[in-house]
Amino acid sequence: MKKHNVLILLFIVMLSVSFTGYSQDKVNHLLNNSSFKQVIEQTEVQLIDVRTPKEFSEGTIEYAKNIDFLGDNFLEQTKDLSKDKPLYIFCKSGKRSEKARNLLLENGFKEVYELEGGYTKWKE
């Protein structure tokens, strides 16, 4: 009976640690306007606008490079980026950048940060 209780306790601890880790990751990779602006203005960063070329031409954040997440060769275009340096990305509202972030992490990028609310929020 004691062994059973220990296993249950261990399971509960592991479960709570995994949920805590997930929620922290979910929060830490989203940067509000102020934090995002502070980071991209302080140093040379890899700044990617994952919107379409049409959206990009209508306005973007200074020094952003356009790599269309919906384009056929998104991952191919990211090959020139350093996987070991932080990457800052944004789209219109945050939906595409979330998908792009997940794909980039799956393909070896170590740190990918998103602009919370996307370019729409940035313009406010």
PDB file of N, CA and C in Angstrom:
ATOM      1  N   MET A   1       0.822  -1.204   0.000  1.00  0.00           N
ATOM      2  CA  MET A   1       0.000   0.000   0.000  1.00  0.00           C
ATOM      3  C   MET A   1       0.860   1.259   0.000  1.00  0.00           C
ATOM      4  N   LYS A   2       1.937   1.246   0.750  1.00  0.00           N
ATOM      5  CA  LYS A   2       2.805   2.421   0.806  1.00  0.00           C
ATOM      6  C   LYS A   2       3.447   2.702  -0.552  1.00  0.00           C
ATOM      7  N   LYS A   3       3.850   1.656  -1.245  1.00  0.00           N
ATOM      8  CA  LYS A   3       4.467   1.821  -2.560  1.00  0.00           C
ATOM      9  C   LYS A   3       3.471   2.467  -3.527  1.00  0.00           C
ATOM     10  N   HIS A   4       2.245   2.073  -3.428  1.00  0.00           N
ATOM     11  CA  HIS A   4       1.184   2.630  -4.262  1.00  0.00           C
ATOM     12  C   HIS A   4       1.035   4.130  -3.993  1.00  0.00           C
ATOM     13  N   ASN A   5       1.037   4.544  -2.728  1.00  0.00           N
ATOM     14  CA  ASN A   5       0.915   5.963  -2.359  1.00  0.00           C
ATOM     15  C   ASN A   5       2.097   6.774  -2.874  1.00  0.00           C
ATOM     16  N   VAL A   6       3.279   6.208  -2.803  1.00  0.00           N
ATOM     17  CA  VAL A   6       4.478   6.895  -3.294  1.00  0.00           C
ATOM     18  C   VAL A   6       4.369   7.108  -4.805  1.00  0.00           C
ATOM     19  N   LEU A   7       3.916   6.099  -5.511  1.00  0.00           N
ATOM     20  CA  LEU A   7       3.760   6.230  -6.962  1.00  0.00           C
ATOM     21  C   LEU A   7       2.725   7.293  -7.322  1.00  0.00           C
ATOM     22  N   ILE A   8       1.636   7.327  -6.590  1.00  0.00           N
ATOM     23  CA  ILE A   8       0.607   8.346  -6.835  1.00  0.00           C
ATOM     24  C   ILE A   8       1.171   9.742  -6.561  1.00  0.00           C
ATOM     25  N   LEU A   9       1.877   9.889  -5.469  1.00  0.00           N
ATOM     26  CA  LEU A   9       2.475  11.185  -5.128  1.00  0.00           C
ATOM     27  C   LEU A   9       3.485  11.606  -6.193  1.00  0.00           C
ATOM     28  N   LEU A  10       4.320  10.681  -6.631  1.00  0.00           N
ATOM     29  CA  LEU A  10       5.300  10.977  -7.668  1.00  0.00           C
ATOM     30  C   LEU A  10       4.602  11.409  -8.956  1.00  0.00           C
ATOM     31  N   PHE A  11       3.538  10.729  -9.321  1.00  0.00           N
ATOM     32  CA  PHE A  11       2.773  11.079 -10.509  1.00  0.00           C
ATOM     33  C   PHE A  11       2.206  12.494 -10.405  1.00  0.00           C
ATOM     34  N   ILE A  12       1.644  12.822  -9.254  1.00  0.00           N
ATOM     35  CA  ILE A  12       1.059  14.153  -9.046  1.00  0.00           C
ATOM     36  C   ILE A  12       2.132  15.234  -9.146  1.00  0.00           C
ATOM     37  N   VAL A  13       3.290  14.992  -8.555  1.00  0.00           N
ATOM     38  CA  VAL A  13       4.385  15.967  -8.614  1.00  0.00           C
ATOM     39  C   VAL A  13       4.838  16.152 -10.058  1.00  0.00           C
ATOM     40  N   MET A  14       5.033  15.058 -10.779  1.00  0.00           N
ATOM     41  CA  MET A  14       5.468  15.162 -12.177  1.00  0.00           C
ATOM     42  C   MET A  14       4.441  15.889 -13.030  1.00  0.00           C
ATOM     43  N   LEU A  15       3.190  15.619 -12.793  1.00  0.00           N
ATOM     44  CA  LEU A  15       2.120  16.268 -13.530  1.00  0.00           C
ATOM     45  C   LEU A  15       2.097  17.773 -13.261  1.00  0.00           C
ATOM     46  N   SER A  16       2.218  18.153 -12.011  1.00  0.00           N
ATOM     47  CA  SER A  16       2.195  19.583 -11.673  1.00  0.00           C
ATOM     48  C   SER A  16       3.417  20.302 -12.229  1.00  0.00           C
ATOM     49  N   VAL A  17       4.568  19.661 -12.217  1.00  0.00           N
ATOM     50  CA  VAL A  17       5.776  20.269 -12.784  1.00  0.00           C
ATOM     51  C   VAL A  17       5.616  20.454 -14.281  1.00  0.00           C
ATOM     52  N   SER A  18       5.054  19.476 -14.955  1.00  0.00           N
ATOM     53  CA  SER A  18       4.893  19.604 -16.403  1.00  0.00           C
ATOM     54  C   SER A  18       3.912  20.711 -16.758  1.00  0.00           C
ATOM     55  N   PHE A  19       2.818  20.846 -16.008  1.00  0.00           N
ATOM     56  CA  PHE A  19       1.873  21.932 -16.278  1.00  0.00           C
ATOM     57  C   PHE A  19       2.486  23.282 -15.964  1.00  0.00           C
ATOM     58  N   THR A  20       3.250  23.372 -14.905  1.00  0.00           N
ATOM     59  CA  THR A  20       3.900  24.625 -14.545  1.00  0.00           C
ATOM     60  C   THR A  20       4.882  25.030 -15.635  1.00  0.00           C
ATOM     61  N   GLY A  21       5.666  24.091 -16.111  1.00  0.00           N
ATOM     62  CA  GLY A  21       6.621  24.377 -17.176  1.00  0.00           C
ATOM     63  C   GLY A  21       5.932  24.847 -18.434  1.00  0.00           C
ATOM     64  N   TYR A  22       4.833  24.215 -18.774  1.00  0.00           N
ATOM     65  CA  TYR A  22       4.111  24.605 -19.981  1.00  0.00           C
ATOM     66  C   TYR A  22       3.568  26.016 -19.852  1.00  0.00           C
ATOM     67  N   SER A  23       2.946  26.329 -18.727  1.00  0.00           N
ATOM     68  CA  SER A  23       2.345  27.653 -18.586  1.00  0.00           C
ATOM     69  C   SER A  23       3.410  28.738 -18.540  1.00  0.00           C
ATOM     70  N   GLN A  24       4.555  28.460 -17.956  1.00  0.00           N
ATOM     71  CA  GLN A  24       5.623  29.449 -17.936  1.00  0.00           C
ATOM     72  C   GLN A  24       6.126  29.694 -19.350  1.00  0.00           C
ATOM     73  N   ASP A  25       6.312  28.616 -20.136  1.00  0.00           N
ATOM     74  CA  ASP A  25       6.763  28.777 -21.511  1.00  0.00           C
ATOM     75  C   ASP A  25       5.751  29.592 -22.300  1.00  0.00           C
ATOM     76  N   LYS A  26       4.482  29.313 -22.096  1.00  0.00           N
ATOM     77  CA  LYS A  26       3.420  30.014 -22.808  1.00  0.00           C
ATOM     78  C   LYS A  26       3.473  31.517 -22.509  1.00  0.00           C
ATOM     79  N   VAL A  27       3.778  31.874 -21.281  1.00  0.00           N
ATOM     80  CA  VAL A  27       3.832  33.278 -20.890  1.00  0.00           C
ATOM     81  C   VAL A  27       5.143  33.924 -21.313  1.00  0.00           C
ATOM     82  N   ASN A  28       6.249  33.266 -21.088  1.00  0.00           N
ATOM     83  CA  ASN A  28       7.561  33.865 -21.304  1.00  0.00           C
ATOM     84  C   ASN A  28       7.881  34.187 -22.755  1.00  0.00           C
ATOM     85  N   HIS A  29       7.301  33.495 -23.685  1.00  0.00           N
ATOM     86  CA  HIS A  29       7.650  33.760 -25.073  1.00  0.00           C
ATOM     87  C   HIS A  29       6.816  34.884 -25.683  1.00  0.00           C
ATOM     88  N   LEU A  30       5.767  35.316 -24.992  1.00  0.00           N
ATOM     89  CA  LEU A  30       4.954  36.433 -25.464  1.00  0.00           C
ATOM     90  C   LEU A  30       5.440  37.732 -24.835  1.00  0.00           C
ATOM     91  N   LEU A  31       5.788  38.689 -25.669  1.00  0.00           N
ATOM     92  CA  LEU A  31       6.261  39.986 -25.169  1.00  0.00           C
ATOM     93  C   LEU A  31       5.260  41.067 -25.541  1.00  0.00           C
ATOM     94  N   ASN A  32       4.908  41.903 -24.571  1.00  0.00           N
ATOM     95  CA  ASN A  32       4.011  43.023 -24.867  1.00  0.00           C
ATOM     96  C   ASN A  32       4.767  44.085 -25.668  1.00  0.00           C
ATOM     97  N   ASN A  33       4.050  45.081 -26.145  1.00  0.00           N
ATOM     98  CA  ASN A  33       4.661  46.122 -26.975  1.00  0.00           C
ATOM     99  C   ASN A  33       5.905  46.727 -26.341  1.00  0.00           C
ATOM    100  N   SER A  34       5.797  47.081 -25.081  1.00  0.00           N
ATOM    101  CA  SER A  34       6.897  47.742 -24.387  1.00  0.00           C
ATOM    102  C   SER A  34       8.135  46.856 -24.305  1.00  0.00           C
ATOM    103  N   SER A  35       7.944  45.614 -23.909  1.00  0.00           N
ATOM    104  CA  SER A  35       9.070  44.682 -23.786  1.00  0.00           C
ATOM    105  C   SER A  35       9.678  44.371 -25.149  1.00  0.00           C
ATOM    106  N   PHE A  36       8.824  44.144 -26.138  1.00  0.00           N
ATOM    107  CA  PHE A  36       9.289  43.836 -27.488  1.00  0.00           C
ATOM    108  C   PHE A  36      10.100  45.011 -28.036  1.00  0.00           C
ATOM    109  N   LYS A  37       9.568  46.215 -27.876  1.00  0.00           N
ATOM    110  CA  LYS A  37      10.244  47.414 -28.373  1.00  0.00           C
ATOM    111  C   LYS A  37      11.593  47.594 -27.689  1.00  0.00           C
ATOM    112  N   GLN A  38      11.621  47.409 -26.393  1.00  0.00           N
ATOM    113  CA  GLN A  38      12.867  47.569 -25.633  1.00  0.00           C
ATOM    114  C   GLN A  38      13.944  46.607 -26.139  1.00  0.00           C
ATOM    115  N   VAL A  39      13.571  45.366 -26.366  1.00  0.00           N
ATOM    116  CA  VAL A  39      14.543  44.365 -26.821  1.00  0.00           C
ATOM    117  C   VAL A  39      15.046  44.682 -28.222  1.00  0.00           C
ATOM    118  N   ILE A  40      14.154  44.974 -29.145  1.00  0.00           N
ATOM    119  CA  ILE A  40      14.593  45.166 -30.530  1.00  0.00           C
ATOM    120  C   ILE A  40      15.316  46.486 -30.737  1.00  0.00           C
ATOM    121  N   GLU A  41      15.153  47.444 -29.838  1.00  0.00           N
ATOM    122  CA  GLU A  41      15.868  48.711 -29.957  1.00  0.00           C
ATOM    123  C   GLU A  41      17.238  48.676 -29.297  1.00  0.00           C
ATOM    124  N   GLN A  42      17.443  47.788 -28.332  1.00  0.00           N
ATOM    125  CA  GLN A  42      18.702  47.755 -27.588  1.00  0.00           C
ATOM    126  C   GLN A  42      19.840  47.078 -28.341  1.00  0.00           C
ATOM    127  N   THR A  43      19.534  46.072 -29.106  1.00  0.00           N
ATOM    128  CA  THR A  43      20.581  45.309 -29.770  1.00  0.00           C
ATOM    129  C   THR A  43      20.153  44.948 -31.178  1.00  0.00           C
ATOM    130  N   GLU A  44      21.129  44.493 -31.964  1.00  0.00           N
ATOM    131  CA  GLU A  44      20.790  43.959 -33.271  1.00  0.00           C
ATOM    132  C   GLU A  44      20.145  42.612 -33.049  1.00  0.00           C
ATOM    133  N   VAL A  45      18.946  42.454 -33.519  1.00  0.00           N
ATOM    134  CA  VAL A  45      18.225  41.204 -33.310  1.00  0.00           C
ATOM    135  C   VAL A  45      17.743  40.656 -34.647  1.00  0.00           C
ATOM    136  N   GLN A  46      17.385  39.404 -34.623  1.00  0.00           N
ATOM    137  CA  GLN A  46      16.744  38.777 -35.763  1.00  0.00           C
ATOM    138  C   GLN A  46      15.253  39.066 -35.620  1.00  0.00           C
ATOM    139  N   LEU A  47      14.745  39.939 -36.460  1.00  0.00           N
ATOM    140  CA  LEU A  47      13.357  40.382 -36.377  1.00  0.00           C
ATOM    141  C   LEU A  47      12.636  39.979 -37.655  1.00  0.00           C
ATOM    142  N   ILE A  48      11.631  39.129 -37.504  1.00  0.00           N
ATOM    143  CA  ILE A  48      10.939  38.579 -38.665  1.00  0.00           C
ATOM    144  C   ILE A  48       9.451  38.902 -38.625  1.00  0.00           C
ATOM    145  N   ASP A  49       8.980  39.457 -39.730  1.00  0.00           N
ATOM    146  CA  ASP A  49       7.557  39.708 -39.957  1.00  0.00           C
ATOM    147  C   ASP A  49       7.055  38.524 -40.783  1.00  0.00           C
ATOM    148  N   VAL A  50       6.194  37.700 -40.193  1.00  0.00           N
ATOM    149  CA  VAL A  50       5.755  36.476 -40.881  1.00  0.00           C
ATOM    150  C   VAL A  50       4.464  36.674 -41.689  1.00  0.00           C
ATOM    151  N   ARG A  51       4.077  37.930 -41.884  1.00  0.00           N
ATOM    152  CA  ARG A  51       2.881  38.219 -42.681  1.00  0.00           C
ATOM    153  C   ARG A  51       3.191  38.087 -44.168  1.00  0.00           C
ATOM    154  N   THR A  52       2.168  38.218 -44.975  1.00  0.00           N
ATOM    155  CA  THR A  52       2.328  38.141 -46.428  1.00  0.00           C
ATOM    156  C   THR A  52       3.084  39.376 -46.938  1.00  0.00           C
ATOM    157  N   PRO A  53       3.682  39.274 -48.125  1.00  0.00           N
ATOM    158  CA  PRO A  53       4.360  40.450 -48.699  1.00  0.00           C
ATOM    159  C   PRO A  53       3.427  41.653 -48.841  1.00  0.00           C
ATOM    160  N   LYS A  54       2.155  41.410 -49.174  1.00  0.00           N
ATOM    161  CA  LYS A  54       1.192  42.512 -49.294  1.00  0.00           C
ATOM    162  C   LYS A  54       1.019  43.218 -47.948  1.00  0.00           C
ATOM    163  N   GLU A  55       0.834  42.437 -46.869  1.00  0.00           N
ATOM    164  CA  GLU A  55       0.692  43.026 -45.537  1.00  0.00           C
ATOM    165  C   GLU A  55       1.964  43.770 -45.145  1.00  0.00           C
ATOM    166  N   PHE A  56       3.095  43.179 -45.434  1.00  0.00           N
ATOM    167  CA  PHE A  56       4.395  43.775 -45.122  1.00  0.00           C
ATOM    168  C   PHE A  56       4.553  45.131 -45.809  1.00  0.00           C
ATOM    169  N   SER A  57       4.122  45.211 -47.071  1.00  0.00           N
ATOM    170  CA  SER A  57       4.256  46.459 -47.840  1.00  0.00           C
ATOM    171  C   SER A  57       3.360  47.573 -47.302  1.00  0.00           C
ATOM    172  N   GLU A  58       2.347  47.215 -46.535  1.00  0.00           N
ATOM    173  CA  GLU A  58       1.436  48.211 -45.969  1.00  0.00           C
ATOM    174  C   GLU A  58       1.957  48.795 -44.652  1.00  0.00           C
ATOM    175  N   GLY A  59       3.091  48.309 -44.183  1.00  0.00           N
ATOM    176  CA  GLY A  59       3.702  48.820 -42.960  1.00  0.00           C
ATOM    177  C   GLY A  59       4.236  47.685 -42.116  1.00  0.00           C
ATOM    178  N   THR A  60       5.367  47.944 -41.477  1.00  0.00           N
ATOM    179  CA  THR A  60       5.985  46.930 -40.630  1.00  0.00           C
ATOM    180  C   THR A  60       6.826  47.618 -39.560  1.00  0.00           C
ATOM    181  N   ILE A  61       7.460  46.841 -38.730  1.00  0.00           N
ATOM    182  CA  ILE A  61       8.362  47.369 -37.711  1.00  0.00           C
ATOM    183  C   ILE A  61       9.727  47.559 -38.365  1.00  0.00           C
ATOM    184  N   GLU A  62      10.349  48.679 -38.081  1.00  0.00           N
ATOM    185  CA  GLU A  62      11.634  49.010 -38.685  1.00  0.00           C
ATOM    186  C   GLU A  62      12.636  47.869 -38.520  1.00  0.00           C
ATOM    187  N   TYR A  63      13.353  47.580 -39.601  1.00  0.00           N
ATOM    188  CA  TYR A  63      14.397  46.556 -39.682  1.00  0.00           C
ATOM    189  C   TYR A  63      13.878  45.123 -39.716  1.00  0.00           C
ATOM    190  N   ALA A  64      12.569  44.941 -39.782  1.00  0.00           N
ATOM    191  CA  ALA A  64      12.023  43.586 -39.866  1.00  0.00           C
ATOM    192  C   ALA A  64      12.249  43.031 -41.273  1.00  0.00           C
ATOM    193  N   LYS A  65      12.554  41.745 -41.304  1.00  0.00           N
ATOM    194  CA  LYS A  65      12.691  41.023 -42.567  1.00  0.00           C
ATOM    195  C   LYS A  65      11.387  40.258 -42.787  1.00  0.00           C
ATOM    196  N   ASN A  66      10.894  40.290 -44.004  1.00  0.00           N
ATOM    197  CA  ASN A  66       9.642  39.593 -44.306  1.00  0.00           C
ATOM    198  C   ASN A  66       9.913  38.164 -44.762  1.00  0.00           C
ATOM    199  N   ILE A  67       9.412  37.214 -43.988  1.00  0.00           N
ATOM    200  CA  ILE A  67       9.421  35.803 -44.383  1.00  0.00           C
ATOM    201  C   ILE A  67       7.992  35.310 -44.168  1.00  0.00           C
ATOM    202  N   ASP A  68       7.275  35.157 -45.258  1.00  0.00           N
ATOM    203  CA  ASP A  68       5.852  34.823 -45.238  1.00  0.00           C
ATOM    204  C   ASP A  68       5.633  33.399 -44.720  1.00  0.00           C
ATOM    205  N   PHE A  69       4.989  33.291 -43.563  1.00  0.00           N
ATOM    206  CA  PHE A  69       4.713  31.976 -42.988  1.00  0.00           C
ATOM    207  C   PHE A  69       3.811  31.139 -43.892  1.00  0.00           C
ATOM    208  N   LEU A  70       2.923  31.802 -44.614  1.00  0.00           N
ATOM    209  CA  LEU A  70       1.999  31.085 -45.489  1.00  0.00           C
ATOM    210  C   LEU A  70       2.623  30.727 -46.835  1.00  0.00           C
ATOM    211  N   GLY A  71       3.819  31.229 -47.091  1.00  0.00           N
ATOM    212  CA  GLY A  71       4.503  30.924 -48.350  1.00  0.00           C
ATOM    213  C   GLY A  71       4.992  29.486 -48.397  1.00  0.00           C
ATOM    214  N   ASP A  72       5.261  29.026 -49.602  1.00  0.00           N
ATOM    215  CA  ASP A  72       5.678  27.640 -49.801  1.00  0.00           C
ATOM    216  C   ASP A  72       7.049  27.325 -49.213  1.00  0.00           C
ATOM    217  N   ASN A  73       7.904  28.313 -49.089  1.00  0.00           N
ATOM    218  CA  ASN A  73       9.284  28.045 -48.687  1.00  0.00           C
ATOM    219  C   ASN A  73       9.676  28.748 -47.382  1.00  0.00           C
ATOM    220  N   PHE A  74       8.765  28.790 -46.434  1.00  0.00           N
ATOM    221  CA  PHE A  74       9.032  29.476 -45.168  1.00  0.00           C
ATOM    222  C   PHE A  74      10.303  28.961 -44.493  1.00  0.00           C
ATOM    223  N   LEU A  75      10.384  27.672 -44.265  1.00  0.00           N
ATOM    224  CA  LEU A  75      11.558  27.121 -43.578  1.00  0.00           C
ATOM    225  C   LEU A  75      12.834  27.320 -44.377  1.00  0.00           C
ATOM    226  N   GLU A  76      12.751  27.212 -45.666  1.00  0.00           N
ATOM    227  CA  GLU A  76      13.923  27.427 -46.526  1.00  0.00           C
ATOM    228  C   GLU A  76      14.467  28.844 -46.338  1.00  0.00           C
ATOM    229  N   GLN A  77      13.572  29.809 -46.224  1.00  0.00           N
ATOM    230  CA  GLN A  77      14.000  31.202 -46.064  1.00  0.00           C
ATOM    231  C   GLN A  77      14.592  31.483 -44.681  1.00  0.00           C
ATOM    232  N   THR A  78      14.362  30.611 -43.733  1.00  0.00           N
ATOM    233  CA  THR A  78      14.917  30.834 -42.390  1.00  0.00           C
ATOM    234  C   THR A  78      16.317  30.239 -42.236  1.00  0.00           C
ATOM    235  N   LYS A  79      16.816  29.575 -43.263  1.00  0.00           N
ATOM    236  CA  LYS A  79      18.119  28.904 -43.172  1.00  0.00           C
ATOM    237  C   LYS A  79      19.272  29.872 -42.924  1.00  0.00           C
ATOM    238  N   ASP A  80      19.143  31.132 -43.318  1.00  0.00           N
ATOM    239  CA  ASP A  80      20.204  32.120 -43.103  1.00  0.00           C
ATOM    240  C   ASP A  80      20.185  32.697 -41.687  1.00  0.00           C
ATOM    241  N   LEU A  81      19.170  32.378 -40.916  1.00  0.00           N
ATOM    242  CA  LEU A  81      19.064  32.886 -39.548  1.00  0.00           C
ATOM    243  C   LEU A  81      19.836  31.981 -38.599  1.00  0.00           C
ATOM    244  N   SER A  82      20.363  32.569 -37.540  1.00  0.00           N
ATOM    245  CA  SER A  82      21.081  31.792 -36.530  1.00  0.00           C
ATOM    246  C   SER A  82      20.078  31.111 -35.604  1.00  0.00           C
ATOM    247  N   LYS A  83      20.215  29.809 -35.450  1.00  0.00           N
ATOM    248  CA  LYS A  83      19.336  29.066 -34.565  1.00  0.00           C
ATOM    249  C   LYS A  83      19.731  29.241 -33.101  1.00  0.00           C
ATOM    250  N   ASP A  84      20.936  29.759 -32.879  1.00  0.00           N
ATOM    251  CA  ASP A  84      21.431  29.930 -31.516  1.00  0.00           C
ATOM    252  C   ASP A  84      21.174  31.320 -30.940  1.00  0.00           C
ATOM    253  N   LYS A  85      20.756  32.255 -31.784  1.00  0.00           N
ATOM    254  CA  LYS A  85      20.441  33.609 -31.310  1.00  0.00           C
ATOM    255  C   LYS A  85      18.930  33.752 -31.191  1.00  0.00           C
ATOM    256  N   PRO A  86      18.465  34.572 -30.254  1.00  0.00           N
ATOM    257  CA  PRO A  86      17.011  34.778 -30.127  1.00  0.00           C
ATOM    258  C   PRO A  86      16.412  35.317 -31.423  1.00  0.00           C
ATOM    259  N   LEU A  87      15.219  34.875 -31.708  1.00  0.00           N
ATOM    260  CA  LEU A  87      14.487  35.294 -32.889  1.00  0.00           C
ATOM    261  C   LEU A  87      13.188  35.944 -32.422  1.00  0.00           C
ATOM    262  N   TYR A  88      12.899  37.124 -32.942  1.00  0.00           N
ATOM    263  CA  TYR A  88      11.694  37.867 -32.567  1.00  0.00           C
ATOM    264  C   TYR A  88      10.790  37.917 -33.790  1.00  0.00           C
ATOM    265  N   ILE A  89       9.555  37.456 -33.607  1.00  0.00           N
ATOM    266  CA  ILE A  89       8.640  37.360 -34.739  1.00  0.00           C
ATOM    267  C   ILE A  89       7.302  38.013 -34.419  1.00  0.00           C
ATOM    268  N   PHE A  90       6.606  38.378 -35.495  1.00  0.00           N
ATOM    269  CA  PHE A  90       5.254  38.927 -35.333  1.00  0.00           C
ATOM    270  C   PHE A  90       4.475  38.728 -36.619  1.00  0.00           C
ATOM    271  N   CYS A  91       3.167  38.760 -36.478  1.00  0.00           N
ATOM    272  CA  CYS A  91       2.263  38.701 -37.623  1.00  0.00           C
ATOM    273  C   CYS A  91       1.225  39.796 -37.412  1.00  0.00           C
ATOM    274  N   LYS A  92       0.052  39.617 -37.939  1.00  0.00           N
ATOM    275  CA  LYS A  92      -0.986  40.636 -37.787  1.00  0.00           C
ATOM    276  C   LYS A  92      -1.594  40.634 -36.391  1.00  0.00           C
ATOM    277  N   SER A  93      -1.967  39.441 -35.899  1.00  0.00           N
ATOM    278  CA  SER A  93      -2.668  39.386 -34.615  1.00  0.00           C
ATOM    279  C   SER A  93      -2.061  38.416 -33.604  1.00  0.00           C
ATOM    280  N   GLY A  94      -1.141  37.575 -34.042  1.00  0.00           N
ATOM    281  CA  GLY A  94      -0.518  36.615 -33.142  1.00  0.00           C
ATOM    282  C   GLY A  94      -0.806  35.167 -33.464  1.00  0.00           C
ATOM    283  N   LYS A  95      -1.739  34.915 -34.342  1.00  0.00           N
ATOM    284  CA  LYS A  95      -2.092  33.525 -34.664  1.00  0.00           C
ATOM    285  C   LYS A  95      -1.032  32.856 -35.537  1.00  0.00           C
ATOM    286  N   ARG A  96      -0.630  33.525 -36.606  1.00  0.00           N
ATOM    287  CA  ARG A  96       0.401  32.951 -37.477  1.00  0.00           C
ATOM    288  C   ARG A  96       1.751  32.885 -36.781  1.00  0.00           C
ATOM    289  N   SER A  97       2.060  33.914 -35.975  1.00  0.00           N
ATOM    290  CA  SER A  97       3.365  33.890 -35.301  1.00  0.00           C
ATOM    291  C   SER A  97       3.437  32.750 -34.296  1.00  0.00           C
ATOM    292  N   GLU A  98       2.317  32.387 -33.688  1.00  0.00           N
ATOM    293  CA  GLU A  98       2.318  31.245 -32.765  1.00  0.00           C
ATOM    294  C   GLU A  98       2.623  29.955 -33.526  1.00  0.00           C
ATOM    295  N   LYS A  99       1.997  29.792 -34.681  1.00  0.00           N
ATOM    296  CA  LYS A  99       2.258  28.604 -35.502  1.00  0.00           C
ATOM    297  C   LYS A  99       3.695  28.617 -36.021  1.00  0.00           C
ATOM    298  N   ALA A 100       4.152  29.790 -36.432  1.00  0.00           N
ATOM    299  CA  ALA A 100       5.522  29.915 -36.927  1.00  0.00           C
ATOM    300  C   ALA A 100       6.521  29.601 -35.811  1.00  0.00           C
ATOM    301  N   ARG A 101       6.254  30.090 -34.611  1.00  0.00           N
ATOM    302  CA  ARG A 101       7.141  29.827 -33.472  1.00  0.00           C
ATOM    303  C   ARG A 101       7.257  28.337 -33.216  1.00  0.00           C
ATOM    304  N   ASN A 102       6.140  27.645 -33.191  1.00  0.00           N
ATOM    305  CA  ASN A 102       6.161  26.206 -32.946  1.00  0.00           C
ATOM    306  C   ASN A 102       6.970  25.472 -34.020  1.00  0.00           C
ATOM    307  N   LEU A 103       6.783  25.852 -35.270  1.00  0.00           N
ATOM    308  CA  LEU A 103       7.513  25.231 -36.367  1.00  0.00           C
ATOM    309  C   LEU A 103       9.013  25.519 -36.262  1.00  0.00           C
ATOM    310  N   LEU A 104       9.353  26.736 -35.922  1.00  0.00           N
ATOM    311  CA  LEU A 104      10.771  27.113 -35.789  1.00  0.00           C
ATOM    312  C   LEU A 104      11.439  26.349 -34.645  1.00  0.00           C
ATOM    313  N   LEU A 105      10.738  26.220 -33.531  1.00  0.00           N
ATOM    314  CA  LEU A 105      11.286  25.458 -32.403  1.00  0.00           C
ATOM    315  C   LEU A 105      11.472  23.989 -32.778  1.00  0.00           C
ATOM    316  N   GLU A 106      10.523  23.438 -33.515  1.00  0.00           N
ATOM    317  CA  GLU A 106      10.627  22.049 -33.970  1.00  0.00           C
ATOM    318  C   GLU A 106      11.808  21.852 -34.912  1.00  0.00           C
ATOM    319  N   ASN A 107      12.242  22.933 -35.552  1.00  0.00           N
ATOM    320  CA  ASN A 107      13.331  22.856 -36.523  1.00  0.00           C
ATOM    321  C   ASN A 107      14.643  23.414 -35.992  1.00  0.00           C
ATOM    322  N   GLY A 108      14.799  23.432 -34.671  1.00  0.00           N
ATOM    323  CA  GLY A 108      16.098  23.699 -34.082  1.00  0.00           C
ATOM    324  C   GLY A 108      16.371  25.083 -33.540  1.00  0.00           C
ATOM    325  N   PHE A 109      15.436  26.024 -33.699  1.00  0.00           N
ATOM    326  CA  PHE A 109      15.666  27.343 -33.120  1.00  0.00           C
ATOM    327  C   PHE A 109      15.521  27.236 -31.604  1.00  0.00           C
ATOM    328  N   LYS A 110      16.442  27.865 -30.877  1.00  0.00           N
ATOM    329  CA  LYS A 110      16.486  27.714 -29.419  1.00  0.00           C
ATOM    330  C   LYS A 110      15.530  28.669 -28.696  1.00  0.00           C
ATOM    331  N   GLU A 111      15.471  29.933 -29.150  1.00  0.00           N
ATOM    332  CA  GLU A 111      14.635  30.948 -28.498  1.00  0.00           C
ATOM    333  C   GLU A 111      13.857  31.714 -29.560  1.00  0.00           C
ATOM    334  N   VAL A 112      12.544  31.666 -29.461  1.00  0.00           N
ATOM    335  CA  VAL A 112      11.692  32.406 -30.391  1.00  0.00           C
ATOM    336  C   VAL A 112      10.658  33.157 -29.564  1.00  0.00           C
ATOM    337  N   TYR A 113      10.628  34.483 -29.731  1.00  0.00           N
ATOM    338  CA  TYR A 113       9.716  35.333 -28.975  1.00  0.00           C
ATOM    339  C   TYR A 113       8.719  35.972 -29.929  1.00  0.00           C
ATOM    340  N   GLU A 114       7.494  36.108 -29.446  1.00  0.00           N
ATOM    341  CA  GLU A 114       6.419  36.691 -30.255  1.00  0.00           C
ATOM    342  C   GLU A 114       5.962  38.029 -29.688  1.00  0.00           C
ATOM    343  N   LEU A 115       5.542  38.910 -30.576  1.00  0.00           N
ATOM    344  CA  LEU A 115       4.903  40.154 -30.188  1.00  0.00           C
ATOM    345  C   LEU A 115       3.445  39.844 -29.857  1.00  0.00           C
ATOM    346  N   GLU A 116       3.089  40.018 -28.611  1.00  0.00           N
ATOM    347  CA  GLU A 116       1.720  39.728 -28.173  1.00  0.00           C
ATOM    348  C   GLU A 116       0.734  40.654 -28.889  1.00  0.00           C
ATOM    349  N   GLY A 117      -0.260  40.068 -29.532  1.00  0.00           N
ATOM    350  CA  GLY A 117      -1.261  40.861 -30.238  1.00  0.00           C
ATOM    351  C   GLY A 117      -0.854  41.259 -31.634  1.00  0.00           C
ATOM    352  N   GLY A 118       0.380  40.959 -32.017  1.00  0.00           N
ATOM    353  CA  GLY A 118       0.851  41.210 -33.367  1.00  0.00           C
ATOM    354  C   GLY A 118       1.001  42.674 -33.746  1.00  0.00           C
ATOM    355  N   TYR A 119       1.137  42.891 -35.065  1.00  0.00           N
ATOM    356  CA  TYR A 119       1.357  44.238 -35.590  1.00  0.00           C
ATOM    357  C   TYR A 119       0.157  45.142 -35.338  1.00  0.00           C
ATOM    358  N   THR A 120      -1.027  44.577 -35.304  1.00  0.00           N
ATOM    359  CA  THR A 120      -2.228  45.373 -35.028  1.00  0.00           C
ATOM    360  C   THR A 120      -2.102  46.048 -33.669  1.00  0.00           C
ATOM    361  N   LYS A 121      -1.690  45.314 -32.672  1.00  0.00           N
ATOM    362  CA  LYS A 121      -1.513  45.861 -31.330  1.00  0.00           C
ATOM    363  C   LYS A 121      -0.337  46.850 -31.301  1.00  0.00           C
ATOM    364  N   TRP A 122       0.709  46.552 -32.061  1.00  0.00           N
ATOM    365  CA  TRP A 122       1.898  47.406 -32.113  1.00  0.00           C
ATOM    366  C   TRP A 122       1.535  48.820 -32.581  1.00  0.00           C
ATOM    367  N   LYS A 123       0.628  48.916 -33.548  1.00  0.00           N
ATOM    368  CA  LYS A 123       0.253  50.213 -34.115  1.00  0.00           C
ATOM    369  C   LYS A 123      -0.580  51.063 -33.162  1.00  0.00           C
ATOM    370  N   GLU A 124      -1.186  50.444 -32.152  1.00  0.00           N
ATOM    371  CA  GLU A 124      -2.085  51.192 -31.249  1.00  0.00           C
ATOM    372  C   GLU A 124      -1.343  52.191 -30.417  1.00  0.00           C
TER     373      GLU A 124
END
